[in-house]
PDB file of N, CA and C in Angstrom:
ATOM      1  N   MET A   1      -0.156  17.442 -10.832  1.00  0.00           N
ATOM      2  CA  MET A   1      -1.154  16.603 -11.770  1.00  0.00           C
ATOM      3  C   MET A   1      -0.016  15.821 -12.466  1.00  0.00           C
ATOM      4  N   ALA A   2      -0.513  14.685 -12.922  1.00  0.00           N
ATOM      5  CA  ALA A   2       0.317  13.752 -14.247  1.00  0.00           C
ATOM      6  C   ALA A   2      -0.487  13.925 -15.366  1.00  0.00           C
ATOM      7  N   THR A   3       0.291  13.785 -16.194  1.00  0.00           N
ATOM      8  CA  THR A   3      -0.345  13.589 -17.815  1.00  0.00           C
ATOM      9  C   THR A   3       0.033  12.178 -18.146  1.00  0.00           C
ATOM     10  N   ILE A   4      -1.153  11.568 -18.631  1.00  0.00           N
ATOM     11  CA  ILE A   4      -1.051  10.198 -18.990  1.00  0.00           C
ATOM     12  C   ILE A   4      -1.474  10.060 -20.632  1.00  0.00           C
ATOM     13  N   THR A   5      -1.248   9.275 -21.157  1.00  0.00           N
ATOM     14  CA  THR A   5      -1.535   8.679 -22.608  1.00  0.00           C
ATOM     15  C   THR A   5      -2.439   7.083 -22.667  1.00  0.00           C
ATOM     16  N   ASN A   6      -3.588   7.364 -23.096  1.00  0.00           N
ATOM     17  CA  ASN A   6      -4.253   6.168 -23.103  1.00  0.00           C
ATOM     18  C   ASN A   6      -4.114   5.441 -24.054  1.00  0.00           C
ATOM     19  N   ILE A   7      -3.577   3.804 -23.809  1.00  0.00           N
ATOM     20  CA  ILE A   7      -3.224   2.907 -24.586  1.00  0.00           C
ATOM     21  C   ILE A   7      -4.558   2.433 -25.445  1.00  0.00           C
ATOM     22  N   ASN A   8      -4.886   2.748 -26.328  1.00  0.00           N
ATOM     23  CA  ASN A   8      -6.211   2.059 -27.043  1.00  0.00           C
ATOM     24  C   ASN A   8      -6.084   0.627 -27.678  1.00  0.00           C
ATOM     25  N   GLY A   9      -7.084  -0.197 -27.651  1.00  0.00           N
ATOM     26  CA  GLY A   9      -7.097  -1.475 -28.106  1.00  0.00           C
ATOM     27  C   GLY A   9      -6.792  -2.632 -27.135  1.00  0.00           C
ATOM     28  N   THR A  10      -6.608  -2.359 -26.038  1.00  0.00           N
ATOM     29  CA  THR A  10      -6.109  -3.498 -24.925  1.00  0.00           C
ATOM     30  C   THR A  10      -7.205  -4.111 -24.259  1.00  0.00           C
ATOM     31  N   SER A  11      -8.856  -3.653 -24.650  1.00  0.00           N
ATOM     32  CA  SER A  11      -9.718  -4.454 -23.857  1.00  0.00           C
ATOM     33  C   SER A  11      -9.908  -5.758 -24.150  1.00  0.00           C
ATOM     34  N   ASP A  12      -9.371  -6.556 -24.895  1.00  0.00           N
ATOM     35  CA  ASP A  12      -9.441  -7.652 -25.196  1.00  0.00           C
ATOM     36  C   ASP A  12      -8.373  -8.554 -24.313  1.00  0.00           C
ATOM     37  N   THR A  13      -7.540  -7.877 -23.500  1.00  0.00           N
ATOM     38  CA  THR A  13      -6.351  -8.596 -22.947  1.00  0.00           C
ATOM     39  C   THR A  13      -7.419  -8.762 -21.479  1.00  0.00           C
ATOM     40  N   ASP A  14      -6.711  -9.845 -20.751  1.00  0.00           N
ATOM     41  CA  ASP A  14      -7.233  -9.843 -19.211  1.00  0.00           C
ATOM     42  C   ASP A  14      -6.265 -10.411 -18.269  1.00  0.00           C
ATOM     43  N   CYS A  15      -6.681 -10.581 -16.931  1.00  0.00           N
ATOM     44  CA  CYS A  15      -5.709 -11.201 -16.388  1.00  0.00           C
ATOM     45  C   CYS A  15      -6.561 -11.619 -15.011  1.00  0.00           C
ATOM     46  N   ARG A  16      -5.511 -12.735 -13.882  1.00  0.00           N
ATOM     47  CA  ARG A  16      -6.395 -13.094 -13.022  1.00  0.00           C
ATOM     48  C   ARG A  16      -7.107 -12.511 -11.891  1.00  0.00           C
ATOM     49  N   CYS A  17      -6.810 -11.365 -12.107  1.00  0.00           N
ATOM     50  CA  CYS A  17      -7.764 -10.455 -10.912  1.00  0.00           C
ATOM     51  C   CYS A  17      -9.347 -10.253 -11.514  1.00  0.00           C
ATOM     52  N   GLY A  18      -9.801 -10.890 -12.790  1.00  0.00           N
ATOM     53  CA  GLY A  18     -11.023 -10.596 -12.773  1.00  0.00           C
ATOM     54  C   GLY A  18     -11.513  -9.664 -13.724  1.00  0.00           C
ATOM     55  N   SER A  19     -10.697  -8.427 -13.461  1.00  0.00           N
ATOM     56  CA  SER A  19     -10.903  -7.258 -14.322  1.00  0.00           C
ATOM     57  C   SER A  19      -9.702  -6.304 -13.867  1.00  0.00           C
ATOM     58  N   TRP A  20      -9.508  -5.325 -15.045  1.00  0.00           N
ATOM     59  CA  TRP A  20      -8.330  -4.673 -14.932  1.00  0.00           C
ATOM     60  C   TRP A  20      -8.491  -3.627 -13.786  1.00  0.00           C
ATOM     61  N   LEU A  21      -9.757  -3.174 -13.553  1.00  0.00           N
ATOM     62  CA  LEU A  21     -10.195  -2.280 -12.120  1.00  0.00           C
ATOM     63  C   LEU A  21      -9.615  -3.150 -11.089  1.00  0.00           C
ATOM     64  N   ASN A  22     -10.046  -4.342 -11.001  1.00  0.00           N
ATOM     65  CA  ASN A  22      -9.633  -5.141  -9.711  1.00  0.00           C
ATOM     66  C   ASN A  22      -8.117  -5.131  -9.509  1.00  0.00           C
ATOM     67  N   HIS A  23      -7.393  -5.381 -10.891  1.00  0.00           N
ATOM     68  CA  HIS A  23      -5.934  -5.456 -10.723  1.00  0.00           C
ATOM     69  C   HIS A  23      -5.243  -3.935 -10.414  1.00  0.00           C
ATOM     70  N   TRP A  24      -5.818  -3.038 -10.735  1.00  0.00           N
ATOM     71  CA  TRP A  24      -5.470  -1.751 -10.098  1.00  0.00           C
ATOM     72  C   TRP A  24      -5.513  -1.454  -8.529  1.00  0.00           C
ATOM     73  N   PHE A  25      -6.723  -2.044  -8.013  1.00  0.00           N
ATOM     74  CA  PHE A  25      -6.896  -2.212  -6.886  1.00  0.00           C
ATOM     75  C   PHE A  25      -5.966  -2.904  -5.960  1.00  0.00           C
ATOM     76  N   ASN A  26      -5.672  -4.157  -6.382  1.00  0.00           N
ATOM     77  CA  ASN A  26      -4.675  -5.145  -5.896  1.00  0.00           C
ATOM     78  C   ASN A  26      -3.194  -4.746  -6.022  1.00  0.00           C
ATOM     79  N   TYR A  27      -2.921  -3.832  -7.090  1.00  0.00           N
ATOM     80  CA  TYR A  27      -1.444  -3.501  -7.249  1.00  0.00           C
ATOM     81  C   TYR A  27      -0.929  -2.129  -7.280  1.00  0.00           C
ATOM     82  N   ASN A  28      -1.867  -1.023  -6.637  1.00  0.00           N
ATOM     83  CA  ASN A  28      -1.824   0.132  -6.665  1.00  0.00           C
ATOM     84  C   ASN A  28      -0.998   0.623  -5.276  1.00  0.00           C
ATOM     85  N   GLY A  29      -0.678  -0.335  -4.361  1.00  0.00           N
ATOM     86  CA  GLY A  29       0.179   0.337  -3.551  1.00  0.00           C
ATOM     87  C   GLY A  29      -0.929   0.564  -2.099  1.00  0.00           C
ATOM     88  N   GLY A  30      -2.179   0.155  -2.358  1.00  0.00           N
ATOM     89  CA  GLY A  30      -2.923   0.667  -1.025  1.00  0.00           C
ATOM     90  C   GLY A  30      -4.101   1.348  -1.256  1.00  0.00           C
ATOM     91  N   GLN A  31      -4.186   2.190  -2.435  1.00  0.00           N
ATOM     92  CA  GLN A  31      -5.192   3.162  -2.377  1.00  0.00           C
ATOM     93  C   GLN A  31      -6.557   2.471  -2.713  1.00  0.00           C
ATOM     94  N   SER A  32      -7.615   3.019  -2.135  1.00  0.00           N
ATOM     95  CA  SER A  32      -8.933   2.473  -2.014  1.00  0.00           C
ATOM     96  C   SER A  32      -9.326   2.713  -3.451  1.00  0.00           C
ATOM     97  N   LEU A  33     -10.569   1.936  -3.582  1.00  0.00           N
ATOM     98  CA  LEU A  33     -11.519   2.270  -4.918  1.00  0.00           C
ATOM     99  C   LEU A  33     -11.809   3.342  -4.842  1.00  0.00           C
ATOM    100  N   PRO A  34     -11.859   4.113  -6.111  1.00  0.00           N
ATOM    101  CA  PRO A  34     -12.567   5.648  -6.218  1.00  0.00           C
ATOM    102  C   PRO A  34     -13.898   5.561  -6.411  1.00  0.00           C
ATOM    103  N   THR A  35     -14.538   6.300  -6.369  1.00  0.00           N
ATOM    104  CA  THR A  35     -16.034   6.255  -6.353  1.00  0.00           C
ATOM    105  C   THR A  35     -16.326   6.886  -7.842  1.00  0.00           C
ATOM    106  N   TYR A  36     -15.511   7.817  -8.291  1.00  0.00           N
ATOM    107  CA  TYR A  36     -15.308   8.495  -9.626  1.00  0.00           C
ATOM    108  C   TYR A  36     -14.276   8.368 -10.360  1.00  0.00           C
ATOM    109  N   CYS A  37     -14.341   8.782 -11.496  1.00  0.00           N
ATOM    110  CA  CYS A  37     -13.218   8.619 -12.682  1.00  0.00           C
ATOM    111  C   CYS A  37     -12.330   9.607 -12.280  1.00  0.00           C
ATOM    112  N   SER A  38     -10.922   8.977 -12.518  1.00  0.00           N
ATOM    113  CA  SER A  38      -9.836   9.983 -11.978  1.00  0.00           C
ATOM    114  C   SER A  38      -9.611  11.184 -13.013  1.00  0.00           C
ATOM    115  N   ALA A  39     -10.369  11.334 -13.837  1.00  0.00           N
ATOM    116  CA  ALA A  39     -10.288  12.659 -14.577  1.00  0.00           C
ATOM    117  C   ALA A  39     -10.491  13.744 -13.783  1.00  0.00           C
ATOM    118  N   PRO A  40     -10.067  14.921 -13.809  1.00  0.00           N
ATOM    119  CA  PRO A  40     -10.402  16.174 -13.134  1.00  0.00           C
ATOM    120  C   PRO A  40     -11.826  16.579 -13.579  1.00  0.00           C
ATOM    121  N   LYS A  41     -12.746  16.692 -12.459  1.00  0.00           N
ATOM    122  CA  LYS A  41     -14.460  17.229 -12.750  1.00  0.00           C
ATOM    123  C   LYS A  41     -14.836  16.247 -13.360  1.00  0.00           C
ATOM    124  N   CYS A  42     -14.707  15.076 -13.451  1.00  0.00           N
ATOM    125  CA  CYS A  42     -15.709  14.064 -14.138  1.00  0.00           C
ATOM    126  C   CYS A  42     -16.334  13.103 -12.941  1.00  0.00           C
ATOM    127  N   ILE A  43     -17.640  13.326 -13.173  1.00  0.00           N
ATOM    128  CA  ILE A  43     -18.158  12.642 -11.866  1.00  0.00           C
ATOM    129  C   ILE A  43     -18.887  11.332 -12.013  1.00  0.00           C
ATOM    130  N   LYS A  44     -18.498  10.398 -13.298  1.00  0.00           N
ATOM    131  CA  LYS A  44     -18.897   9.175 -13.903  1.00  0.00           C
ATOM    132  C   LYS A  44     -18.255   7.973 -13.147  1.00  0.00           C
ATOM    133  N   LYS A  45     -19.248   7.141 -12.999  1.00  0.00           N
ATOM    134  CA  LYS A  45     -19.153   6.044 -11.727  1.00  0.00           C
ATOM    135  C   LYS A  45     -18.854   4.445 -12.635  1.00  0.00           C
ATOM    136  N   ASP A  46     -18.772   4.878 -14.166  1.00  0.00           N
ATOM    137  CA  ASP A  46     -18.698   3.664 -14.732  1.00  0.00           C
ATOM    138  C   ASP A  46     -16.961   3.078 -14.994  1.00  0.00           C
ATOM    139  N   LEU A  47     -16.678   2.806 -13.997  1.00  0.00           N
ATOM    140  CA  LEU A  47     -14.926   2.778 -13.817  1.00  0.00           C
ATOM    141  C   LEU A  47     -14.619   1.306 -14.601  1.00  0.00           C
ATOM    142  N   VAL A  48     -13.367   1.503 -15.091  1.00  0.00           N
ATOM    143  CA  VAL A  48     -12.959   0.314 -15.680  1.00  0.00           C
ATOM    144  C   VAL A  48     -11.282   0.766 -15.410  1.00  0.00           C
ATOM    145  N   GLY A  49     -10.416  -0.419 -15.587  1.00  0.00           N
ATOM    146  CA  GLY A  49      -9.073  -0.278 -15.040  1.00  0.00           C
ATOM    147  C   GLY A  49      -8.395   0.238 -16.694  1.00  0.00           C
ATOM    148  N   ALA A  50      -8.023   1.238 -16.839  1.00  0.00           N
ATOM    149  CA  ALA A  50      -7.385   1.665 -18.512  1.00  0.00           C
ATOM    150  C   ALA A  50      -6.008   1.524 -18.083  1.00  0.00           C
ATOM    151  N   HIS A  51      -5.601   1.033 -19.307  1.00  0.00           N
ATOM    152  CA  HIS A  51      -4.004   1.218 -19.616  1.00  0.00           C
ATOM    153  C   HIS A  51      -3.679   1.888 -20.140  1.00  0.00           C
ATOM    154  N   VAL A  52      -2.779   2.757 -19.369  1.00  0.00           N
ATOM    155  CA  VAL A  52      -2.203   4.059 -19.870  1.00  0.00           C
ATOM    156  C   VAL A  52      -0.436   4.101 -19.921  1.00  0.00           C
ATOM    157  N   GLN A  53       0.069   5.129 -20.445  1.00  0.00           N
ATOM    158  CA  GLN A  53       1.546   5.338 -20.250  1.00  0.00           C
ATOM    159  C   GLN A  53       1.709   6.812 -19.667  1.00  0.00           C
ATOM    160  N   LYS A  54       2.583   6.960 -18.931  1.00  0.00           N
ATOM    161  CA  LYS A  54       2.990   8.406 -18.486  1.00  0.00           C
ATOM    162  C   LYS A  54       3.426   9.204 -19.606  1.00  0.00           C
ATOM    163  N   ALA A  55       2.660  10.217 -20.191  1.00  0.00           N
ATOM    164  CA  ALA A  55       3.067  11.159 -21.125  1.00  0.00           C
ATOM    165  C   ALA A  55       4.211  11.924 -21.022  1.00  0.00           C
ATOM    166  N   ASN A  56       5.071  12.211 -21.908  1.00  0.00           N
ATOM    167  CA  ASN A  56       6.275  12.947 -21.797  1.00  0.00           C
ATOM    168  C   ASN A  56       7.159  12.569 -21.021  1.00  0.00           C
ATOM    169  N   SER A  57       7.321  11.062 -20.810  1.00  0.00           N
ATOM    170  CA  SER A  57       8.340  10.628 -19.929  1.00  0.00           C
ATOM    171  C   SER A  57       9.183   9.537 -20.608  1.00  0.00           C
ATOM    172  N   ILE A  58      10.478   9.180 -19.919  1.00  0.00           N
ATOM    173  CA  ILE A  58      11.266   8.330 -20.501  1.00  0.00           C
ATOM    174  C   ILE A  58      10.863   7.045 -20.012  1.00  0.00           C
ATOM    175  N   ASP A  59       9.784   6.834 -18.990  1.00  0.00           N
ATOM    176  CA  ASP A  59       9.485   5.684 -18.401  1.00  0.00           C
ATOM    177  C   ASP A  59       8.309   5.259 -19.735  1.00  0.00           C
ATOM    178  N   LYS A  60       8.282   4.237 -20.183  1.00  0.00           N
ATOM    179  CA  LYS A  60       7.719   3.719 -21.176  1.00  0.00           C
ATOM    180  C   LYS A  60       6.855   2.592 -20.570  1.00  0.00           C
ATOM    181  N   GLU A  61       6.710   2.164 -19.410  1.00  0.00           N
ATOM    182  CA  GLU A  61       6.040   0.965 -18.988  1.00  0.00           C
ATOM    183  C   GLU A  61       4.529   1.541 -19.014  1.00  0.00           C
ATOM    184  N   TRP A  62       3.780   0.223 -19.150  1.00  0.00           N
ATOM    185  CA  TRP A  62       2.330   0.737 -19.149  1.00  0.00           C
ATOM    186  C   TRP A  62       1.754   0.250 -17.703  1.00  0.00           C
ATOM    187  N   TYR A  63       0.723   1.242 -17.500  1.00  0.00           N
ATOM    188  CA  TYR A  63      -0.113   1.186 -16.188  1.00  0.00           C
ATOM    189  C   TYR A  63      -1.416   0.972 -16.224  1.00  0.00           C
ATOM    190  N   ILE A  64      -1.796   0.897 -15.090  1.00  0.00           N
ATOM    191  CA  ILE A  64      -3.395   0.789 -15.068  1.00  0.00           C
ATOM    192  C   ILE A  64      -3.896   1.875 -14.049  1.00  0.00           C
ATOM    193  N   VAL A  65      -4.785   3.009 -14.420  1.00  0.00           N
ATOM    194  CA  VAL A  65      -5.405   3.363 -13.506  1.00  0.00           C
ATOM    195  C   VAL A  65      -7.098   3.469 -13.712  1.00  0.00           C
ATOM    196  N   PRO A  66      -7.522   4.002 -12.629  1.00  0.00           N
ATOM    197  CA  PRO A  66      -9.388   3.762 -12.722  1.00  0.00           C
ATOM    198  C   PRO A  66      -9.918   5.221 -13.624  1.00  0.00           C
ATOM    199  N   LEU A  67     -10.337   4.802 -14.596  1.00  0.00           N
ATOM    200  CA  LEU A  67     -11.206   6.045 -15.479  1.00  0.00           C
ATOM    201  C   LEU A  67     -12.448   5.550 -15.662  1.00  0.00           C
ATOM    202  N   CYS A  68     -13.557   6.537 -16.267  1.00  0.00           N
ATOM    203  CA  CYS A  68     -14.887   6.036 -16.593  1.00  0.00           C
ATOM    204  C   CYS A  68     -14.286   5.685 -18.238  1.00  0.00           C
ATOM    205  N   GLN A  69     -15.427   4.798 -18.742  1.00  0.00           N
ATOM    206  CA  GLN A  69     -15.481   4.186 -19.972  1.00  0.00           C
ATOM    207  C   GLN A  69     -15.239   5.265 -20.916  1.00  0.00           C
ATOM    208  N   GLU A  70     -15.683   6.361 -20.920  1.00  0.00           N
ATOM    209  CA  GLU A  70     -15.766   7.491 -21.685  1.00  0.00           C
ATOM    210  C   GLU A  70     -14.248   8.005 -21.911  1.00  0.00           C
ATOM    211  N   HIS A  71     -13.687   8.181 -20.641  1.00  0.00           N
ATOM    212  CA  HIS A  71     -12.201   8.651 -20.611  1.00  0.00           C
ATOM    213  C   HIS A  71     -11.105   7.763 -20.994  1.00  0.00           C
ATOM    214  N   ASN A  72     -11.579   6.463 -20.941  1.00  0.00           N
ATOM    215  CA  ASN A  72     -10.684   5.267 -21.282  1.00  0.00           C
ATOM    216  C   ASN A  72     -10.369   5.316 -22.788  1.00  0.00           C
ATOM    217  N   LYS A  73     -11.512   5.875 -23.645  1.00  0.00           N
ATOM    218  CA  LYS A  73     -11.576   5.640 -24.868  1.00  0.00           C
ATOM    219  C   LYS A  73     -10.713   6.974 -25.451  1.00  0.00           C
ATOM    220  N   TYR A  74     -10.342   7.990 -24.669  1.00  0.00           N
ATOM    221  CA  TYR A  74      -9.883   9.230 -24.802  1.00  0.00           C
ATOM    222  C   TYR A  74      -8.429   8.895 -25.947  1.00  0.00           C
ATOM    223  N   THR A  75      -8.140   9.672 -26.761  1.00  0.00           N
ATOM    224  CA  THR A  75      -7.182   9.347 -27.744  1.00  0.00           C
ATOM    225  C   THR A  75      -6.154  10.421 -27.453  1.00  0.00           C
ATOM    226  N   SER A  76      -6.050  11.649 -27.028  1.00  0.00           N
ATOM    227  CA  SER A  76      -5.316  12.755 -26.589  1.00  0.00           C
ATOM    228  C   SER A  76      -4.919  12.398 -25.217  1.00  0.00           C
ATOM    229  N   ASP A  77      -3.962  13.129 -24.627  1.00  0.00           N
ATOM    230  CA  ASP A  77      -3.385  13.144 -23.465  1.00  0.00           C
ATOM    231  C   ASP A  77      -4.515  13.619 -22.529  1.00  0.00           C
ATOM    232  N   LEU A  78      -4.508  13.042 -21.352  1.00  0.00           N
ATOM    233  CA  LEU A  78      -5.058  13.235 -20.042  1.00  0.00           C
ATOM    234  C   LEU A  78      -4.590  13.953 -18.962  1.00  0.00           C
ATOM    235  N   VAL A  79      -4.826  14.776 -18.091  1.00  0.00           N
ATOM    236  CA  VAL A  79      -4.220  15.117 -16.871  1.00  0.00           C
ATOM    237  C   VAL A  79      -4.973  14.478 -16.089  1.00  0.00           C
ATOM    238  N   ILE A  80      -4.273  14.195 -14.880  1.00  0.00           N
ATOM    239  CA  ILE A  80      -4.916  13.345 -13.671  1.00  0.00           C
ATOM    240  C   ILE A  80      -4.361  13.741 -12.453  1.00  0.00           C
ATOM    241  N   PRO A  81      -5.090  13.915 -11.236  1.00  0.00           N
ATOM    242  CA  PRO A  81      -4.190  14.274 -10.284  1.00  0.00           C
ATOM    243  C   PRO A  81      -3.004  13.409  -9.800  1.00  0.00           C
ATOM    244  N   GLU A  82      -2.071  13.927  -9.071  1.00  0.00           N
ATOM    245  CA  GLU A  82      -1.083  13.511  -8.566  1.00  0.00           C
ATOM    246  C   GLU A  82      -1.349  12.099  -7.735  1.00  0.00           C
ATOM    247  N   PHE A  83      -2.513  12.381  -7.026  1.00  0.00           N
ATOM    248  CA  PHE A  83      -2.667  11.570  -5.885  1.00  0.00           C
ATOM    249  C   PHE A  83      -3.052  10.075  -6.407  1.00  0.00           C
ATOM    250  N   VAL A  84      -3.542   9.884  -7.557  1.00  0.00           N
ATOM    251  CA  VAL A  84      -3.913   8.623  -8.173  1.00  0.00           C
ATOM    252  C   VAL A  84      -2.491   7.786  -8.377  1.00  0.00           C
ATOM    253  N   ASN A  85      -2.675   6.650  -7.567  1.00  0.00           N
ATOM    254  CA  ASN A  85      -1.641   5.659  -8.001  1.00  0.00           C
ATOM    255  C   ASN A  85      -1.800   4.832  -9.019  1.00  0.00           C
ATOM    256  N   PHE A  86      -0.668   4.396  -9.788  1.00  0.00           N
ATOM    257  CA  PHE A  86      -0.417   3.816 -11.048  1.00  0.00           C
ATOM    258  C   PHE A  86      -0.308   2.249 -10.417  1.00  0.00           C
ATOM    259  N   ALA A  87      -0.473   1.346 -10.992  1.00  0.00           N
ATOM    260  CA  ALA A  87      -0.755  -0.113 -10.830  1.00  0.00           C
ATOM    261  C   ALA A  87       0.149  -0.798 -12.080  1.00  0.00           C
ATOM    262  N   PRO A  88       1.341  -1.350 -12.186  1.00  0.00           N
ATOM    263  CA  PRO A  88       1.863  -2.025 -12.945  1.00  0.00           C
ATOM    264  C   PRO A  88       1.001  -2.656 -13.852  1.00  0.00           C
ATOM    265  N   ALA A  89       0.806  -2.790 -15.413  1.00  0.00           N
ATOM    266  CA  ALA A  89       0.106  -3.710 -15.856  1.00  0.00           C
ATOM    267  C   ALA A  89       0.556  -5.187 -16.538  1.00  0.00           C
ATOM    268  N   SER A  90       1.968  -4.837 -16.098  1.00  0.00           N
ATOM    269  CA  SER A  90       2.669  -6.266 -16.445  1.00  0.00           C
ATOM    270  C   SER A  90       2.037  -7.463 -15.440  1.00  0.00           C
ATOM    271  N   LYS A  91       1.561  -8.318 -16.061  1.00  0.00           N
ATOM    272  CA  LYS A  91       0.939  -9.411 -15.274  1.00  0.00           C
ATOM    273  C   LYS A  91       2.394 -10.316 -15.000  1.00  0.00           C
ATOM    274  N   LYS A  92       3.419 -10.353 -15.543  1.00  0.00           N
ATOM    275  CA  LYS A  92       4.609 -10.877 -14.959  1.00  0.00           C
ATOM    276  C   LYS A  92       5.026 -10.691 -13.639  1.00  0.00           C
ATOM    277  N   LYS A  93       4.897  -8.894 -13.562  1.00  0.00           N
ATOM    278  CA  LYS A  93       5.363  -8.288 -12.214  1.00  0.00           C
ATOM    279  C   LYS A  93       4.577  -8.204 -11.179  1.00  0.00           C
ATOM    280  N   THR A  94       3.055  -8.753 -11.753  1.00  0.00           N
ATOM    281  CA  THR A  94       2.055  -8.776 -10.298  1.00  0.00           C
ATOM    282  C   THR A  94       1.486 -10.263 -10.444  1.00  0.00           C
ATOM    283  N   CYS A  95       0.137 -10.107 -11.220  1.00  0.00           N
ATOM    284  CA  CYS A  95      -0.909 -11.240 -10.682  1.00  0.00           C
ATOM    285  C   CYS A  95      -0.453 -12.852 -11.491  1.00  0.00           C
ATOM    286  N   GLU A  96       0.743 -12.834 -11.972  1.00  0.00           N
ATOM    287  CA  GLU A  96       1.385 -14.044 -12.475  1.00  0.00           C
ATOM    288  C   GLU A  96       2.689 -14.250 -12.268  1.00  0.00           C
ATOM    289  N   ARG A  97       2.792 -13.998 -11.012  1.00  0.00           N
ATOM    290  CA  ARG A  97       4.691 -14.074 -10.480  1.00  0.00           C
ATOM    291  C   ARG A  97       4.270 -15.367  -9.766  1.00  0.00           C
TER     292      ARG A  97
END
């Protein structure tokens, strides 16, 4: 399991991918788009590309992971399965290269 911290206040940002969920799909390393939220036991399908950081880590980069709209608004740490790939949120390293 991986622990993440949601970065709130990023919904106004956009990228050339059309949505942050598309961005995740384009830059996550080949994982297919999930049917359900990445939060354990969540079966919601209203997915968005959530801006997150790895909690309790020296890695302070921002990443995108697929979460439902409810979990995207979480203010406490959230545990997701290790198999969920992280996509870099940096547009300069991805869609604006």
